[in-house]
């Protein structure tokens, strides 16, 4: 299960909102919120797009999405 608390923290640090996240992965804000609250899962391409947009290192990606 992804470490969503860490992902939320990184988003805050980078000044990104759920609207930004939704735009990055191409979904609605409601769908992004569901993913961020563990009600649905990020796909691999979504995790990759979000990681790239947030400038995550390989270690951070693993800590968040492979936890």
PDB file of N, CA and C in Angstrom:
ATOM      1  N   UNK A   1       0.845  -1.186   0.000  1.00  0.00           N
ATOM      2  CA  UNK A   1       0.000   0.000   0.000  1.00  0.00           C
ATOM      3  C   UNK A   1       0.889   1.247   0.000  1.00  0.00           C
ATOM      4  N   UNK A   2       0.569   2.216  -0.844  1.00  0.00           N
ATOM      5  CA  UNK A   2       1.389   3.421  -0.926  1.00  0.00           C
ATOM      6  C   UNK A   2       1.419   4.201   0.396  1.00  0.00           C
ATOM      7  N   UNK A   3       2.513   4.897   0.616  1.00  0.00           N
ATOM      8  CA  UNK A   3       2.651   5.748   1.791  1.00  0.00           C
ATOM      9  C   UNK A   3       2.045   7.105   1.435  1.00  0.00           C
ATOM     10  N   UNK A   4       0.733   7.194   1.598  1.00  0.00           N
ATOM     11  CA  UNK A   4       0.009   8.385   1.164  1.00  0.00           C
ATOM     12  C   UNK A   4       0.318   9.595   2.036  1.00  0.00           C
ATOM     13  N   UNK A   5       0.622   9.380   3.311  1.00  0.00           N
ATOM     14  CA  UNK A   5       0.987  10.507   4.172  1.00  0.00           C
ATOM     15  C   UNK A   5       2.263  11.174   3.658  1.00  0.00           C
ATOM     16  N   UNK A   6       3.219  10.372   3.245  1.00  0.00           N
ATOM     17  CA  UNK A   6       4.466  10.923   2.705  1.00  0.00           C
ATOM     18  C   UNK A   6       4.187  11.664   1.406  1.00  0.00           C
ATOM     19  N   UNK A   7       3.337  11.097   0.561  1.00  0.00           N
ATOM     20  CA  UNK A   7       2.984  11.752  -0.694  1.00  0.00           C
ATOM     21  C   UNK A   7       2.291  13.087  -0.429  1.00  0.00           C
ATOM     22  N   UNK A   8       1.376  13.100   0.531  1.00  0.00           N
ATOM     23  CA  UNK A   8       0.699  14.353   0.887  1.00  0.00           C
ATOM     24  C   UNK A   8       1.709  15.391   1.368  1.00  0.00           C
ATOM     25  N   UNK A   9       2.671  14.957   2.166  1.00  0.00           N
ATOM     26  CA  UNK A   9       3.696  15.868   2.660  1.00  0.00           C
ATOM     27  C   UNK A   9       4.532  16.456   1.547  1.00  0.00           C
ATOM     28  N   UNK A  10       4.911  15.617   0.589  1.00  0.00           N
ATOM     29  CA  UNK A  10       5.702  16.097  -0.541  1.00  0.00           C
ATOM     30  C   UNK A  10       4.891  17.099  -1.354  1.00  0.00           C
ATOM     31  N   UNK A  11       3.617  16.817  -1.546  1.00  0.00           N
ATOM     32  CA  UNK A  11       2.777  17.741  -2.305  1.00  0.00           C
ATOM     33  C   UNK A  11       2.696  19.093  -1.608  1.00  0.00           C
ATOM     34  N   UNK A  12       2.556  19.086  -0.294  1.00  0.00           N
ATOM     35  CA  UNK A  12       2.517  20.343   0.460  1.00  0.00           C
ATOM     36  C   UNK A  12       3.841  21.090   0.311  1.00  0.00           C
ATOM     37  N   UNK A  13       4.953  20.361   0.462  1.00  0.00           N
ATOM     38  CA  UNK A  13       6.282  20.978   0.316  1.00  0.00           C
ATOM     39  C   UNK A  13       6.465  21.631  -1.043  1.00  0.00           C
ATOM     40  N   UNK A  14       5.916  20.988  -2.078  1.00  0.00           N
ATOM     41  CA  UNK A  14       6.072  21.488  -3.444  1.00  0.00           C
ATOM     42  C   UNK A  14       4.987  22.483  -3.826  1.00  0.00           C
ATOM     43  N   UNK A  15       4.046  22.739  -2.907  1.00  0.00           N
ATOM     44  CA  UNK A  15       2.978  23.699  -3.176  1.00  0.00           C
ATOM     45  C   UNK A  15       1.948  23.212  -4.174  1.00  0.00           C
ATOM     46  N   UNK A  16       1.757  21.899  -4.236  1.00  0.00           N
ATOM     47  CA  UNK A  16       0.804  21.315  -5.185  1.00  0.00           C
ATOM     48  C   UNK A  16      -0.515  20.989  -4.482  1.00  0.00           C
ATOM     49  N   UNK A  17      -1.611  21.275  -5.159  1.00  0.00           N
ATOM     50  CA  UNK A  17      -2.945  20.983  -4.632  1.00  0.00           C
ATOM     51  C   UNK A  17      -3.480  19.701  -5.266  1.00  0.00           C
ATOM     52  N   UNK A  18      -4.612  19.242  -4.758  1.00  0.00           N
ATOM     53  CA  UNK A  18      -5.264  18.083  -5.366  1.00  0.00           C
ATOM     54  C   UNK A  18      -5.667  18.408  -6.807  1.00  0.00           C
ATOM     55  N   UNK A  19      -6.039  19.653  -7.064  1.00  0.00           N
ATOM     56  CA  UNK A  19      -6.381  20.047  -8.437  1.00  0.00           C
ATOM     57  C   UNK A  19      -5.164  19.901  -9.340  1.00  0.00           C
ATOM     58  N   UNK A  20      -3.990  20.288  -8.829  1.00  0.00           N
ATOM     59  CA  UNK A  20      -2.756  20.111  -9.606  1.00  0.00           C
ATOM     60  C   UNK A  20      -2.500  18.636  -9.861  1.00  0.00           C
ATOM     61  N   UNK A  21      -2.627  17.819  -8.826  1.00  0.00           N
ATOM     62  CA  UNK A  21      -2.406  16.383  -8.963  1.00  0.00           C
ATOM     63  C   UNK A  21      -3.357  15.756  -9.970  1.00  0.00           C
ATOM     64  N   UNK A  22      -4.617  16.166  -9.904  1.00  0.00           N
ATOM     65  CA  UNK A  22      -5.611  15.638 -10.843  1.00  0.00           C
ATOM     66  C   UNK A  22      -5.247  16.002 -12.274  1.00  0.00           C
ATOM     67  N   UNK A  23      -4.805  17.234 -12.485  1.00  0.00           N
ATOM     68  CA  UNK A  23      -4.412  17.682 -13.823  1.00  0.00           C
ATOM     69  C   UNK A  23      -3.203  16.891 -14.313  1.00  0.00           C
ATOM     70  N   UNK A  24      -2.250  16.653 -13.418  1.00  0.00           N
ATOM     71  CA  UNK A  24      -1.024  15.936 -13.786  1.00  0.00           C
ATOM     72  C   UNK A  24      -1.325  14.515 -14.268  1.00  0.00           C
ATOM     73  N   UNK A  25      -2.213  13.826 -13.561  1.00  0.00           N
ATOM     74  CA  UNK A  25      -2.481  12.429 -13.944  1.00  0.00           C
ATOM     75  C   UNK A  25      -3.718  12.282 -14.827  1.00  0.00           C
ATOM     76  N   UNK A  26      -4.409  13.387 -15.104  1.00  0.00           N
ATOM     77  CA  UNK A  26      -5.521  13.359 -16.052  1.00  0.00           C
ATOM     78  C   UNK A  26      -6.802  12.747 -15.512  1.00  0.00           C
ATOM     79  N   UNK A  27      -7.166  13.138 -14.297  1.00  0.00           N
ATOM     80  CA  UNK A  27      -8.427  12.647 -13.734  1.00  0.00           C
ATOM     81  C   UNK A  27      -9.135  13.802 -13.044  1.00  0.00           C
ATOM     82  N   UNK A  28     -10.318  13.538 -12.518  1.00  0.00           N
ATOM     83  CA  UNK A  28     -11.056  14.565 -11.788  1.00  0.00           C
ATOM     84  C   UNK A  28     -10.456  14.760 -10.402  1.00  0.00           C
ATOM     85  N   UNK A  29     -10.773  15.886  -9.791  1.00  0.00           N
ATOM     86  CA  UNK A  29     -10.304  16.142  -8.424  1.00  0.00           C
ATOM     87  C   UNK A  29     -10.875  15.095  -7.486  1.00  0.00           C
ATOM     88  N   UNK A  30     -12.129  14.703  -7.690  1.00  0.00           N
ATOM     89  CA  UNK A  30     -12.750  13.684  -6.834  1.00  0.00           C
ATOM     90  C   UNK A  30     -12.004  12.353  -6.952  1.00  0.00           C
ATOM     91  N   UNK A  31     -11.628  11.968  -8.161  1.00  0.00           N
ATOM     92  CA  UNK A  31     -10.883  10.720  -8.352  1.00  0.00           C
ATOM     93  C   UNK A  31      -9.504  10.812  -7.713  1.00  0.00           C
ATOM     94  N   UNK A  32      -8.842  11.959  -7.853  1.00  0.00           N
ATOM     95  CA  UNK A  32      -7.528  12.134  -7.242  1.00  0.00           C
ATOM     96  C   UNK A  32      -7.644  12.073  -5.722  1.00  0.00           C
ATOM     97  N   UNK A  33      -8.667  12.695  -5.185  1.00  0.00           N
ATOM     98  CA  UNK A  33      -8.893  12.663  -3.738  1.00  0.00           C
ATOM     99  C   UNK A  33      -9.098  11.234  -3.254  1.00  0.00           C
ATOM    100  N   UNK A  34      -9.848  10.446  -4.009  1.00  0.00           N
ATOM    101  CA  UNK A  34     -10.074   9.047  -3.633  1.00  0.00           C
ATOM    102  C   UNK A  34      -8.749   8.287  -3.615  1.00  0.00           C
ATOM    103  N   UNK A  35      -7.888   8.558  -4.577  1.00  0.00           N
ATOM    104  CA  UNK A  35      -6.576   7.902  -4.619  1.00  0.00           C
ATOM    105  C   UNK A  35      -5.730   8.334  -3.424  1.00  0.00           C
ATOM    106  N   UNK A  36      -5.759   9.615  -3.089  1.00  0.00           N
ATOM    107  CA  UNK A  36      -4.961  10.144  -1.985  1.00  0.00           C
ATOM    108  C   UNK A  36      -5.472   9.690  -0.618  1.00  0.00           C
ATOM    109  N   UNK A  37      -6.726   9.263  -0.579  1.00  0.00           N
ATOM    110  CA  UNK A  37      -7.304   8.788   0.678  1.00  0.00           C
ATOM    111  C   UNK A  37      -7.393   7.269   0.743  1.00  0.00           C
ATOM    112  N   UNK A  38      -6.746   6.584  -0.212  1.00  0.00           N
ATOM    113  CA  UNK A  38      -6.673   5.134  -0.191  1.00  0.00           C
ATOM    114  C   UNK A  38      -7.937   4.411  -0.601  1.00  0.00           C
ATOM    115  N   UNK A  39      -8.874   5.123  -1.213  1.00  0.00           N
ATOM    116  CA  UNK A  39     -10.124   4.495  -1.641  1.00  0.00           C
ATOM    117  C   UNK A  39     -10.008   3.881  -3.033  1.00  0.00           C
ATOM    118  N   UNK A  40      -9.010   4.303  -3.781  1.00  0.00           N
ATOM    119  CA  UNK A  40      -8.670   3.669  -5.062  1.00  0.00           C
ATOM    120  C   UNK A  40      -7.161   3.771  -5.221  1.00  0.00           C
ATOM    121  N   UNK A  41      -6.628   3.079  -6.203  1.00  0.00           N
ATOM    122  CA  UNK A  41      -5.179   2.982  -6.353  1.00  0.00           C
ATOM    123  C   UNK A  41      -4.662   3.793  -7.532  1.00  0.00           C
ATOM    124  N   UNK A  42      -3.423   4.256  -7.401  1.00  0.00           N
ATOM    125  CA  UNK A  42      -2.737   4.882  -8.522  1.00  0.00           C
ATOM    126  C   UNK A  42      -2.293   3.785  -9.474  1.00  0.00           C
ATOM    127  N   UNK A  43      -2.439   4.026 -10.774  1.00  0.00           N
ATOM    128  CA  UNK A  43      -1.873   3.113 -11.759  1.00  0.00           C
ATOM    129  C   UNK A  43      -0.374   3.410 -11.854  1.00  0.00           C
ATOM    130  N   UNK A  44       0.372   2.517 -12.466  1.00  0.00           N
ATOM    131  CA  UNK A  44       1.805   2.745 -12.641  1.00  0.00           C
ATOM    132  C   UNK A  44       2.061   4.020 -13.457  1.00  0.00           C
ATOM    133  N   UNK A  45       1.367   4.224 -14.583  1.00  0.00           N
ATOM    134  CA  UNK A  45       1.609   5.473 -15.326  1.00  0.00           C
ATOM    135  C   UNK A  45       1.252   6.726 -14.506  1.00  0.00           C
ATOM    136  N   UNK A  46       0.185   6.661 -13.707  1.00  0.00           N
ATOM    137  CA  UNK A  46      -0.184   7.801 -12.862  1.00  0.00           C
ATOM    138  C   UNK A  46       0.899   8.081 -11.820  1.00  0.00           C
ATOM    139  N   UNK A  47       1.389   7.026 -11.182  1.00  0.00           N
ATOM    140  CA  UNK A  47       2.450   7.182 -10.180  1.00  0.00           C
ATOM    141  C   UNK A  47       3.702   7.764 -10.831  1.00  0.00           C
ATOM    142  N   UNK A  48       4.009   7.318 -12.035  1.00  0.00           N
ATOM    143  CA  UNK A  48       5.173   7.819 -12.759  1.00  0.00           C
ATOM    144  C   UNK A  48       5.011   9.294 -13.111  1.00  0.00           C
ATOM    145  N   UNK A  49       3.846   9.668 -13.643  1.00  0.00           N
ATOM    146  CA  UNK A  49       3.592  11.062 -14.016  1.00  0.00           C
ATOM    147  C   UNK A  49       3.651  11.972 -12.792  1.00  0.00           C
ATOM    148  N   UNK A  50       3.046  11.547 -11.704  1.00  0.00           N
ATOM    149  CA  UNK A  50       3.040  12.344 -10.485  1.00  0.00           C
ATOM    150  C   UNK A  50       4.451  12.461  -9.917  1.00  0.00           C
ATOM    151  N   UNK A  51       5.185  11.370  -9.923  1.00  0.00           N
ATOM    152  CA  UNK A  51       6.564  11.379  -9.437  1.00  0.00           C
ATOM    153  C   UNK A  51       7.434  12.328 -10.244  1.00  0.00           C
ATOM    154  N   UNK A  52       7.282  12.290 -11.560  1.00  0.00           N
ATOM    155  CA  UNK A  52       8.055  13.183 -12.424  1.00  0.00           C
ATOM    156  C   UNK A  52       7.707  14.643 -12.155  1.00  0.00           C
ATOM    157  N   UNK A  53       6.417  14.935 -12.023  1.00  0.00           N
ATOM    158  CA  UNK A  53       5.972  16.309 -11.796  1.00  0.00           C
ATOM    159  C   UNK A  53       6.451  16.845 -10.448  1.00  0.00           C
ATOM    160  N   UNK A  54       6.558  15.960  -9.465  1.00  0.00           N
ATOM    161  CA  UNK A  54       7.006  16.369  -8.135  1.00  0.00           C
ATOM    162  C   UNK A  54       8.524  16.321  -7.994  1.00  0.00           C
ATOM    163  N   UNK A  55       9.205  15.803  -9.005  1.00  0.00           N
ATOM    164  CA  UNK A  55      10.660  15.720  -8.971  1.00  0.00           C
ATOM    165  C   UNK A  55      11.183  14.742  -7.933  1.00  0.00           C
ATOM    166  N   UNK A  56      10.473  13.616  -7.769  1.00  0.00           N
ATOM    167  CA  UNK A  56      10.873  12.629  -6.764  1.00  0.00           C
ATOM    168  C   UNK A  56      12.089  11.824  -7.222  1.00  0.00           C
ATOM    169  N   UNK A  57      12.962  11.542  -6.285  1.00  0.00           N
ATOM    170  CA  UNK A  57      14.109  10.673  -6.562  1.00  0.00           C
ATOM    171  C   UNK A  57      13.620   9.225  -6.645  1.00  0.00           C
ATOM    172  N   UNK A  58      14.481   8.340  -7.124  1.00  0.00           N
ATOM    173  CA  UNK A  58      14.124   6.917  -7.185  1.00  0.00           C
ATOM    174  C   UNK A  58      13.796   6.384  -5.799  1.00  0.00           C
ATOM    175  N   UNK A  59      14.553   6.830  -4.792  1.00  0.00           N
ATOM    176  CA  UNK A  59      14.326   6.382  -3.418  1.00  0.00           C
ATOM    177  C   UNK A  59      12.975   6.866  -2.896  1.00  0.00           C
ATOM    178  N   UNK A  60      12.653   8.134  -3.183  1.00  0.00           N
ATOM    179  CA  UNK A  60      11.357   8.676  -2.745  1.00  0.00           C
ATOM    180  C   UNK A  60      10.209   7.953  -3.434  1.00  0.00           C
ATOM    181  N   UNK A  61      10.373   7.669  -4.717  1.00  0.00           N
ATOM    182  CA  UNK A  61       9.320   6.940  -5.445  1.00  0.00           C
ATOM    183  C   UNK A  61       9.081   5.575  -4.792  1.00  0.00           C
ATOM    184  N   UNK A  62      10.169   4.895  -4.486  1.00  0.00           N
ATOM    185  CA  UNK A  62      10.054   3.572  -3.852  1.00  0.00           C
ATOM    186  C   UNK A  62       9.417   3.691  -2.472  1.00  0.00           C
ATOM    187  N   UNK A  63       9.836   4.676  -1.684  1.00  0.00           N
ATOM    188  CA  UNK A  63       9.288   4.871  -0.337  1.00  0.00           C
ATOM    189  C   UNK A  63       7.793   5.152  -0.368  1.00  0.00           C
ATOM    190  N   UNK A  64       7.350   5.873  -1.394  1.00  0.00           N
ATOM    191  CA  UNK A  64       5.940   6.251  -1.467  1.00  0.00           C
ATOM    192  C   UNK A  64       5.101   5.169  -2.142  1.00  0.00           C
ATOM    193  N   UNK A  65       5.473   4.755  -3.322  1.00  0.00           N
ATOM    194  CA  UNK A  65       4.602   3.893  -4.119  1.00  0.00           C
ATOM    195  C   UNK A  65       4.864   2.404  -3.947  1.00  0.00           C
ATOM    196  N   UNK A  66       5.991   2.026  -3.368  1.00  0.00           N
ATOM    197  CA  UNK A  66       6.290   0.608  -3.171  1.00  0.00           C
ATOM    198  C   UNK A  66       6.349   0.238  -1.691  1.00  0.00           C
ATOM    199  N   UNK A  67       5.763   1.088  -0.862  1.00  0.00           N
ATOM    200  CA  UNK A  67       5.793   0.860   0.596  1.00  0.00           C
ATOM    201  C   UNK A  67       4.975  -0.360   0.965  1.00  0.00           C
TER     202      UNK A  67
END
